[in-house]
Amino acid sequence: MQGLAKEADRWFRQAENDLKASEWNQRGGFHAQACFWAQQSAAKTLRAFLFMNKEDAKETRSVSELLERCLTYDEDFKSVIEYSSRLDIYYKTTRYPDSLPGGIPAELISARDSKEAIKIASDIFTLVEEKRKAYVPEVM
C-alpha cells in the first residue's frame, strides 16, 4: 500500500473508532462527549478522504473547511455540506467549562444534540466509506 493510501486507512479506522466512542457516550448519557467524538470522527473521516486524493489537510480540524476541500474532488459531498458545519461548534464547546455561558457543557448539551451530531458524523462516514470501497491507490 502506498504511503498516502496507508495514511488514509489509518485515519479512517480511527474515525470509525471515534464514531463508536460517540455512540457509546450517548448511550451512557454523556452528550457533550458524544458530540465531541462525533466531530472528531467526521473530521478524521474527511482527512482520510483527502489522503485518498493525495492531500494532507493537517492545518485544519474544521469539518466545514475539510468538506469544502473534499467537494473539490467529489460533488457527492454536497449532500452533507449544508448541515455538517454544525459539528464545528462542538470542537471546543464540549470540552471547556467557560465555552458556554450559564453552565457547563455536561449540563447544557442535550440528548437531542448528541443524536443529531452522531447522525451527521455517520452520514459523512458512510459517504466516505462508499468512496473508499471504490478507491484504488496508485501502484508505485
N, C-alpha and C. Protein backbone atom coordinates (compact mmCIF):
# COMPACT_ATOMS: atom_id res chain seq x y z
N MET A 1 0.85 -1.18 0.00
CA MET A 1 0.00 0.00 0.00
C MET A 1 0.89 1.24 0.00
N GLN A 2 0.54 2.16 -0.81
CA GLN A 2 1.29 3.41 -0.93
C GLN A 2 1.18 4.22 0.36
N GLY A 3 2.14 5.14 0.60
CA GLY A 3 2.18 5.94 1.82
C GLY A 3 0.89 6.68 2.15
N LEU A 4 0.35 7.43 1.20
CA LEU A 4 -0.87 8.19 1.48
C LEU A 4 -2.08 7.28 1.61
N ALA A 5 -2.10 6.19 0.87
CA ALA A 5 -3.19 5.23 0.99
C ALA A 5 -3.17 4.59 2.38
N LYS A 6 -1.98 4.30 2.86
CA LYS A 6 -1.84 3.74 4.20
C LYS A 6 -2.30 4.75 5.25
N GLU A 7 -1.93 6.00 5.04
CA GLU A 7 -2.34 7.05 5.97
C GLU A 7 -3.86 7.24 5.93
N ALA A 8 -4.46 7.19 4.76
CA ALA A 8 -5.92 7.28 4.63
C ALA A 8 -6.58 6.18 5.44
N ASP A 9 -6.05 4.98 5.34
CA ASP A 9 -6.60 3.84 6.07
C ASP A 9 -6.50 4.06 7.58
N ARG A 10 -5.37 4.56 8.04
CA ARG A 10 -5.20 4.82 9.48
C ARG A 10 -6.22 5.84 9.99
N TRP A 11 -6.39 6.93 9.24
CA TRP A 11 -7.34 7.97 9.65
C TRP A 11 -8.77 7.44 9.61
N PHE A 12 -9.08 6.64 8.61
CA PHE A 12 -10.44 6.10 8.50
C PHE A 12 -10.75 5.15 9.66
N ARG A 13 -9.81 4.29 10.00
CA ARG A 13 -10.01 3.36 11.11
C ARG A 13 -10.18 4.09 12.43
N GLN A 14 -9.39 5.16 12.64
CA GLN A 14 -9.55 5.94 13.86
C GLN A 14 -10.89 6.67 13.88
N ALA A 15 -11.32 7.16 12.72
CA ALA A 15 -12.62 7.82 12.63
C ALA A 15 -13.75 6.86 13.01
N GLU A 16 -13.62 5.62 12.58
CA GLU A 16 -14.63 4.61 12.92
C GLU A 16 -14.66 4.38 14.43
N ASN A 17 -13.49 4.31 15.05
CA ASN A 17 -13.40 4.14 16.48
C ASN A 17 -14.00 5.33 17.23
N ASP A 18 -13.71 6.54 16.74
CA ASP A 18 -14.28 7.74 17.36
C ASP A 18 -15.80 7.76 17.26
N LEU A 19 -16.33 7.30 16.14
CA LEU A 19 -17.79 7.25 15.97
C LEU A 19 -18.40 6.26 16.97
N LYS A 20 -17.74 5.14 17.15
CA LYS A 20 -18.22 4.17 18.14
C LYS A 20 -18.15 4.76 19.55
N ALA A 21 -17.10 5.51 19.85
CA ALA A 21 -16.98 6.17 21.16
C ALA A 21 -18.10 7.18 21.35
N SER A 22 -18.45 7.88 20.28
CA SER A 22 -19.54 8.85 20.34
C SER A 22 -20.86 8.16 20.68
N GLU A 23 -21.12 7.06 20.00
CA GLU A 23 -22.36 6.31 20.25
C GLU A 23 -22.39 5.75 21.67
N TRP A 24 -21.25 5.27 22.13
CA TRP A 24 -21.15 4.70 23.47
C TRP A 24 -21.42 5.77 24.53
N ASN A 25 -20.82 6.95 24.34
CA ASN A 25 -21.04 8.06 25.28
C ASN A 25 -22.50 8.49 25.27
N GLN A 26 -23.11 8.52 24.11
CA GLN A 26 -24.52 8.90 24.05
C GLN A 26 -25.38 7.92 24.85
N ARG A 27 -25.13 6.64 24.66
CA ARG A 27 -25.89 5.63 25.40
C ARG A 27 -25.71 5.80 26.92
N GLY A 28 -24.54 6.26 27.33
CA GLY A 28 -24.28 6.47 28.75
C GLY A 28 -24.77 7.80 29.28
N GLY A 29 -25.33 8.64 28.42
CA GLY A 29 -25.83 9.94 28.85
C GLY A 29 -24.78 11.04 28.86
N PHE A 30 -23.63 10.78 28.28
CA PHE A 30 -22.56 11.77 28.20
C PHE A 30 -22.65 12.49 26.85
N HIS A 31 -23.59 13.40 26.74
CA HIS A 31 -23.93 14.00 25.45
C HIS A 31 -22.88 14.98 24.95
N ALA A 32 -22.24 15.72 25.84
CA ALA A 32 -21.17 16.63 25.41
C ALA A 32 -20.02 15.81 24.81
N GLN A 33 -19.65 14.74 25.48
CA GLN A 33 -18.58 13.89 24.98
C GLN A 33 -18.98 13.21 23.67
N ALA A 34 -20.24 12.81 23.56
CA ALA A 34 -20.72 12.19 22.32
C ALA A 34 -20.61 13.17 21.16
N CYS A 35 -20.94 14.43 21.41
CA CYS A 35 -20.84 15.45 20.35
C CYS A 35 -19.39 15.70 19.97
N PHE A 36 -18.51 15.75 20.97
CA PHE A 36 -17.09 15.94 20.68
C PHE A 36 -16.56 14.81 19.81
N TRP A 37 -16.84 13.56 20.18
CA TRP A 37 -16.31 12.42 19.41
C TRP A 37 -16.96 12.34 18.04
N ALA A 38 -18.20 12.80 17.90
CA ALA A 38 -18.82 12.84 16.57
C ALA A 38 -18.09 13.83 15.68
N GLN A 39 -17.74 15.00 16.25
CA GLN A 39 -16.98 15.99 15.48
C GLN A 39 -15.63 15.43 15.08
N GLN A 40 -14.97 14.76 16.02
CA GLN A 40 -13.66 14.17 15.74
C GLN A 40 -13.77 13.11 14.65
N SER A 41 -14.77 12.28 14.73
CA SER A 41 -14.96 11.24 13.72
C SER A 41 -15.16 11.84 12.33
N ALA A 42 -16.01 12.84 12.24
CA ALA A 42 -16.26 13.47 10.94
C ALA A 42 -15.00 14.09 10.37
N ALA A 43 -14.25 14.82 11.20
CA ALA A 43 -13.03 15.46 10.72
C ALA A 43 -12.00 14.42 10.26
N LYS A 44 -11.84 13.35 11.01
CA LYS A 44 -10.87 12.31 10.64
C LYS A 44 -11.32 11.55 9.40
N THR A 45 -12.61 11.34 9.26
CA THR A 45 -13.13 10.68 8.06
C THR A 45 -12.81 11.52 6.83
N LEU A 46 -13.03 12.82 6.94
CA LEU A 46 -12.75 13.72 5.81
C LEU A 46 -11.26 13.80 5.52
N ARG A 47 -10.45 13.79 6.56
CA ARG A 47 -8.99 13.75 6.34
C ARG A 47 -8.61 12.48 5.59
N ALA A 48 -9.22 11.36 5.95
CA ALA A 48 -8.95 10.09 5.24
C ALA A 48 -9.26 10.24 3.76
N PHE A 49 -10.40 10.85 3.46
CA PHE A 49 -10.78 11.05 2.06
C PHE A 49 -9.75 11.93 1.34
N LEU A 50 -9.29 12.97 2.01
CA LEU A 50 -8.30 13.84 1.39
C LEU A 50 -6.97 13.10 1.17
N PHE A 51 -6.58 12.27 2.10
CA PHE A 51 -5.39 11.45 1.90
C PHE A 51 -5.58 10.53 0.68
N MET A 52 -6.78 10.00 0.51
CA MET A 52 -7.06 9.16 -0.65
C MET A 52 -6.85 9.94 -1.95
N ASN A 53 -7.01 11.25 -1.86
CA ASN A 53 -6.85 12.12 -3.03
C ASN A 53 -5.50 12.84 -3.01
N LYS A 54 -4.57 12.29 -2.27
CA LYS A 54 -3.18 12.77 -2.22
C LYS A 54 -3.04 14.17 -1.62
N GLU A 55 -3.89 14.47 -0.67
CA GLU A 55 -3.81 15.76 0.01
C GLU A 55 -3.80 15.54 1.52
N ASP A 56 -2.93 16.26 2.20
CA ASP A 56 -2.89 16.23 3.66
C ASP A 56 -3.40 17.57 4.16
N ALA A 57 -4.48 17.54 4.90
CA ALA A 57 -5.11 18.77 5.40
C ALA A 57 -4.80 18.97 6.87
N LYS A 58 -3.55 18.85 7.23
CA LYS A 58 -3.19 18.88 8.65
C LYS A 58 -3.38 20.24 9.30
N GLU A 59 -3.53 21.29 8.52
CA GLU A 59 -3.62 22.62 9.12
C GLU A 59 -5.02 22.97 9.62
N THR A 60 -6.01 22.10 9.42
CA THR A 60 -7.35 22.41 9.91
C THR A 60 -8.02 21.18 10.51
N ARG A 61 -8.87 21.44 11.48
CA ARG A 61 -9.71 20.40 12.06
C ARG A 61 -11.18 20.76 11.89
N SER A 62 -11.43 21.77 11.11
CA SER A 62 -12.79 22.23 10.87
C SER A 62 -13.50 21.32 9.87
N VAL A 63 -14.63 20.78 10.28
CA VAL A 63 -15.41 19.93 9.39
C VAL A 63 -15.84 20.73 8.16
N SER A 64 -16.25 21.98 8.35
CA SER A 64 -16.67 22.82 7.22
C SER A 64 -15.55 23.01 6.22
N GLU A 65 -14.37 23.34 6.71
CA GLU A 65 -13.23 23.56 5.80
C GLU A 65 -12.82 22.27 5.11
N LEU A 66 -12.82 21.17 5.84
CA LEU A 66 -12.47 19.88 5.23
C LEU A 66 -13.49 19.48 4.17
N LEU A 67 -14.77 19.72 4.45
CA LEU A 67 -15.81 19.41 3.46
C LEU A 67 -15.64 20.23 2.19
N GLU A 68 -15.30 21.50 2.34
CA GLU A 68 -15.08 22.35 1.16
C GLU A 68 -13.95 21.77 0.31
N ARG A 69 -12.92 21.29 0.94
CA ARG A 69 -11.79 20.70 0.20
C ARG A 69 -12.19 19.39 -0.45
N CYS A 70 -12.97 18.58 0.27
CA CYS A 70 -13.45 17.31 -0.30
C CYS A 70 -14.34 17.56 -1.51
N LEU A 71 -15.11 18.63 -1.44
CA LEU A 71 -16.01 18.98 -2.54
C LEU A 71 -15.24 19.27 -3.83
N THR A 72 -14.01 19.71 -3.73
CA THR A 72 -13.22 19.97 -4.94
C THR A 72 -12.87 18.66 -5.66
N TYR A 73 -12.93 17.54 -4.95
CA TYR A 73 -12.65 16.24 -5.55
C TYR A 73 -13.91 15.47 -5.94
N ASP A 74 -15.01 15.74 -5.23
CA ASP A 74 -16.20 14.93 -5.44
C ASP A 74 -17.45 15.72 -5.05
N GLU A 75 -18.34 15.91 -5.99
CA GLU A 75 -19.56 16.69 -5.74
C GLU A 75 -20.57 15.98 -4.85
N ASP A 76 -20.37 14.70 -4.59
CA ASP A 76 -21.28 13.98 -3.70
C ASP A 76 -21.28 14.56 -2.29
N PHE A 77 -20.25 15.31 -1.94
CA PHE A 77 -20.19 15.91 -0.60
C PHE A 77 -21.21 17.03 -0.44
N LYS A 78 -21.80 17.49 -1.53
CA LYS A 78 -22.87 18.49 -1.43
C LYS A 78 -24.03 17.97 -0.57
N SER A 79 -24.23 16.67 -0.59
CA SER A 79 -25.35 16.08 0.16
C SER A 79 -25.20 16.23 1.68
N VAL A 80 -24.00 16.47 2.17
CA VAL A 80 -23.81 16.59 3.62
C VAL A 80 -23.29 17.96 4.05
N ILE A 81 -22.92 18.79 3.11
CA ILE A 81 -22.23 20.04 3.47
C ILE A 81 -23.11 21.03 4.22
N GLU A 82 -24.38 21.08 3.88
CA GLU A 82 -25.26 22.11 4.46
C GLU A 82 -25.41 21.98 5.97
N TYR A 83 -25.62 20.79 6.47
CA TYR A 83 -25.88 20.62 7.90
C TYR A 83 -24.65 20.16 8.69
N SER A 84 -23.60 19.78 8.03
CA SER A 84 -22.42 19.25 8.72
C SER A 84 -21.60 20.29 9.46
N SER A 85 -21.71 21.53 9.06
CA SER A 85 -20.93 22.58 9.72
C SER A 85 -21.32 22.72 11.19
N ARG A 86 -22.49 22.23 11.57
CA ARG A 86 -22.91 22.27 12.98
C ARG A 86 -21.91 21.55 13.87
N LEU A 87 -21.22 20.56 13.32
CA LEU A 87 -20.27 19.81 14.15
C LEU A 87 -19.12 20.68 14.64
N ASP A 88 -18.77 21.72 13.90
CA ASP A 88 -17.65 22.57 14.30
C ASP A 88 -17.87 23.24 15.66
N ILE A 89 -19.12 23.50 16.01
CA ILE A 89 -19.37 24.15 17.29
C ILE A 89 -19.00 23.25 18.47
N TYR A 90 -18.92 21.94 18.22
CA TYR A 90 -18.63 21.01 19.31
C TYR A 90 -17.14 20.80 19.56
N TYR A 91 -16.30 21.34 18.70
CA TYR A 91 -14.86 21.12 18.87
C TYR A 91 -14.36 21.68 20.19
N LYS A 92 -14.80 22.87 20.57
CA LYS A 92 -14.37 23.47 21.83
C LYS A 92 -15.48 23.51 22.88
N THR A 93 -16.70 23.75 22.45
CA THR A 93 -17.78 23.95 23.42
C THR A 93 -18.09 22.71 24.24
N THR A 94 -17.69 21.56 23.80
CA THR A 94 -17.98 20.34 24.55
C THR A 94 -16.94 20.03 25.61
N ARG A 95 -15.82 20.77 25.61
CA ARG A 95 -14.70 20.40 26.46
C ARG A 95 -14.40 21.39 27.58
N TYR A 96 -14.76 22.64 27.42
CA TYR A 96 -14.30 23.65 28.37
C TYR A 96 -15.48 24.28 29.12
N PRO A 97 -15.40 24.37 30.44
CA PRO A 97 -16.49 24.92 31.24
C PRO A 97 -16.84 26.37 30.89
N ASP A 98 -15.86 27.13 30.40
CA ASP A 98 -16.13 28.53 30.09
C ASP A 98 -16.54 28.75 28.63
N SER A 99 -16.81 27.68 27.90
CA SER A 99 -17.15 27.84 26.48
C SER A 99 -18.63 28.13 26.26
N LEU A 100 -19.45 27.89 27.25
CA LEU A 100 -20.89 28.16 27.15
C LEU A 100 -21.32 29.00 28.35
N PRO A 101 -22.06 30.07 28.11
CA PRO A 101 -22.50 30.91 29.24
C PRO A 101 -23.57 30.21 30.07
N GLY A 102 -23.48 30.37 31.36
CA GLY A 102 -24.54 29.91 32.23
C GLY A 102 -24.50 28.45 32.66
N GLY A 103 -23.44 27.77 32.41
CA GLY A 103 -23.37 26.36 32.83
C GLY A 103 -22.14 25.70 32.26
N ILE A 104 -22.16 24.40 32.28
CA ILE A 104 -21.05 23.64 31.71
C ILE A 104 -21.57 22.76 30.58
N PRO A 105 -20.70 22.34 29.68
CA PRO A 105 -21.15 21.52 28.55
C PRO A 105 -21.95 20.29 29.00
N ALA A 106 -21.52 19.63 30.06
CA ALA A 106 -22.20 18.42 30.52
C ALA A 106 -23.65 18.69 30.91
N GLU A 107 -23.96 19.93 31.28
CA GLU A 107 -25.33 20.28 31.67
C GLU A 107 -26.15 20.88 30.54
N LEU A 108 -25.48 21.46 29.56
CA LEU A 108 -26.19 22.22 28.53
C LEU A 108 -26.34 21.49 27.19
N ILE A 109 -25.48 20.54 26.92
CA ILE A 109 -25.58 19.81 25.65
C ILE A 109 -26.49 18.61 25.89
N SER A 110 -27.50 18.50 25.02
CA SER A 110 -28.60 17.57 25.27
C SER A 110 -28.50 16.27 24.46
N ALA A 111 -29.40 15.37 24.80
CA ALA A 111 -29.52 14.11 24.06
C ALA A 111 -29.87 14.40 22.59
N ARG A 112 -30.69 15.39 22.39
CA ARG A 112 -31.05 15.77 21.01
C ARG A 112 -29.81 16.23 20.24
N ASP A 113 -28.95 17.01 20.91
CA ASP A 113 -27.71 17.47 20.27
C ASP A 113 -26.83 16.28 19.89
N SER A 114 -26.66 15.35 20.81
CA SER A 114 -25.77 14.22 20.52
C SER A 114 -26.36 13.31 19.44
N LYS A 115 -27.66 13.15 19.44
CA LYS A 115 -28.30 12.34 18.40
C LYS A 115 -28.06 12.96 17.03
N GLU A 116 -28.23 14.27 16.94
CA GLU A 116 -28.01 14.97 15.67
C GLU A 116 -26.54 14.90 15.25
N ALA A 117 -25.62 15.11 16.18
CA ALA A 117 -24.19 15.08 15.87
C ALA A 117 -23.77 13.70 15.36
N ILE A 118 -24.26 12.67 15.99
CA ILE A 118 -23.92 11.31 15.57
C ILE A 118 -24.51 11.01 14.20
N LYS A 119 -25.70 11.49 13.93
CA LYS A 119 -26.31 11.29 12.61
C LYS A 119 -25.47 11.95 11.53
N ILE A 120 -25.04 13.17 11.77
CA ILE A 120 -24.21 13.90 10.80
C ILE A 120 -22.89 13.16 10.58
N ALA A 121 -22.22 12.80 11.66
CA ALA A 121 -20.93 12.09 11.55
C ALA A 121 -21.12 10.76 10.84
N SER A 122 -22.20 10.07 11.12
CA SER A 122 -22.48 8.78 10.46
C SER A 122 -22.71 8.95 8.97
N ASP A 123 -23.42 10.02 8.60
CA ASP A 123 -23.66 10.28 7.17
C ASP A 123 -22.35 10.54 6.44
N ILE A 124 -21.46 11.31 7.06
CA ILE A 124 -20.15 11.58 6.45
C ILE A 124 -19.34 10.29 6.37
N PHE A 125 -19.36 9.53 7.44
CA PHE A 125 -18.61 8.28 7.47
C PHE A 125 -19.09 7.33 6.37
N THR A 126 -20.40 7.19 6.23
CA THR A 126 -20.97 6.29 5.22
C THR A 126 -20.60 6.74 3.82
N LEU A 127 -20.65 8.05 3.57
CA LEU A 127 -20.29 8.59 2.26
C LEU A 127 -18.84 8.26 1.92
N VAL A 128 -17.95 8.50 2.86
CA VAL A 128 -16.53 8.23 2.60
C VAL A 128 -16.27 6.73 2.53
N GLU A 129 -16.98 5.97 3.32
CA GLU A 129 -16.83 4.51 3.26
C GLU A 129 -17.16 3.98 1.87
N GLU A 130 -18.20 4.53 1.25
CA GLU A 130 -18.56 4.14 -0.12
C GLU A 130 -17.45 4.54 -1.10
N LYS A 131 -16.90 5.73 -0.93
CA LYS A 131 -15.81 6.20 -1.79
C LYS A 131 -14.58 5.31 -1.59
N ARG A 132 -14.36 4.92 -0.38
CA ARG A 132 -13.19 4.10 -0.03
C ARG A 132 -13.25 2.72 -0.71
N LYS A 133 -14.44 2.16 -0.80
CA LYS A 133 -14.60 0.85 -1.43
C LYS A 133 -14.21 0.90 -2.91
N ALA A 134 -14.44 2.05 -3.53
CA ALA A 134 -14.13 2.20 -4.96
C ALA A 134 -12.70 2.70 -5.19
N TYR A 135 -12.03 3.06 -4.12
CA TYR A 135 -10.69 3.66 -4.20
C TYR A 135 -9.63 2.61 -4.48
N VAL A 136 -8.82 2.88 -5.48
CA VAL A 136 -7.69 2.01 -5.79
C VAL A 136 -6.45 2.88 -5.81
N PRO A 137 -5.55 2.71 -4.83
CA PRO A 137 -4.34 3.54 -4.79
C PRO A 137 -3.42 3.23 -5.97
N GLU A 138 -2.67 4.24 -6.36
CA GLU A 138 -1.69 4.04 -7.42
C GLU A 138 -0.62 3.08 -6.95
N VAL A 139 -0.20 2.23 -7.84
CA VAL A 139 0.88 1.31 -7.53
C VAL A 139 2.18 1.95 -7.94
N MET A 140 3.15 1.91 -7.03
CA MET A 140 4.44 2.55 -7.33
C MET A 140 5.32 1.60 -8.09
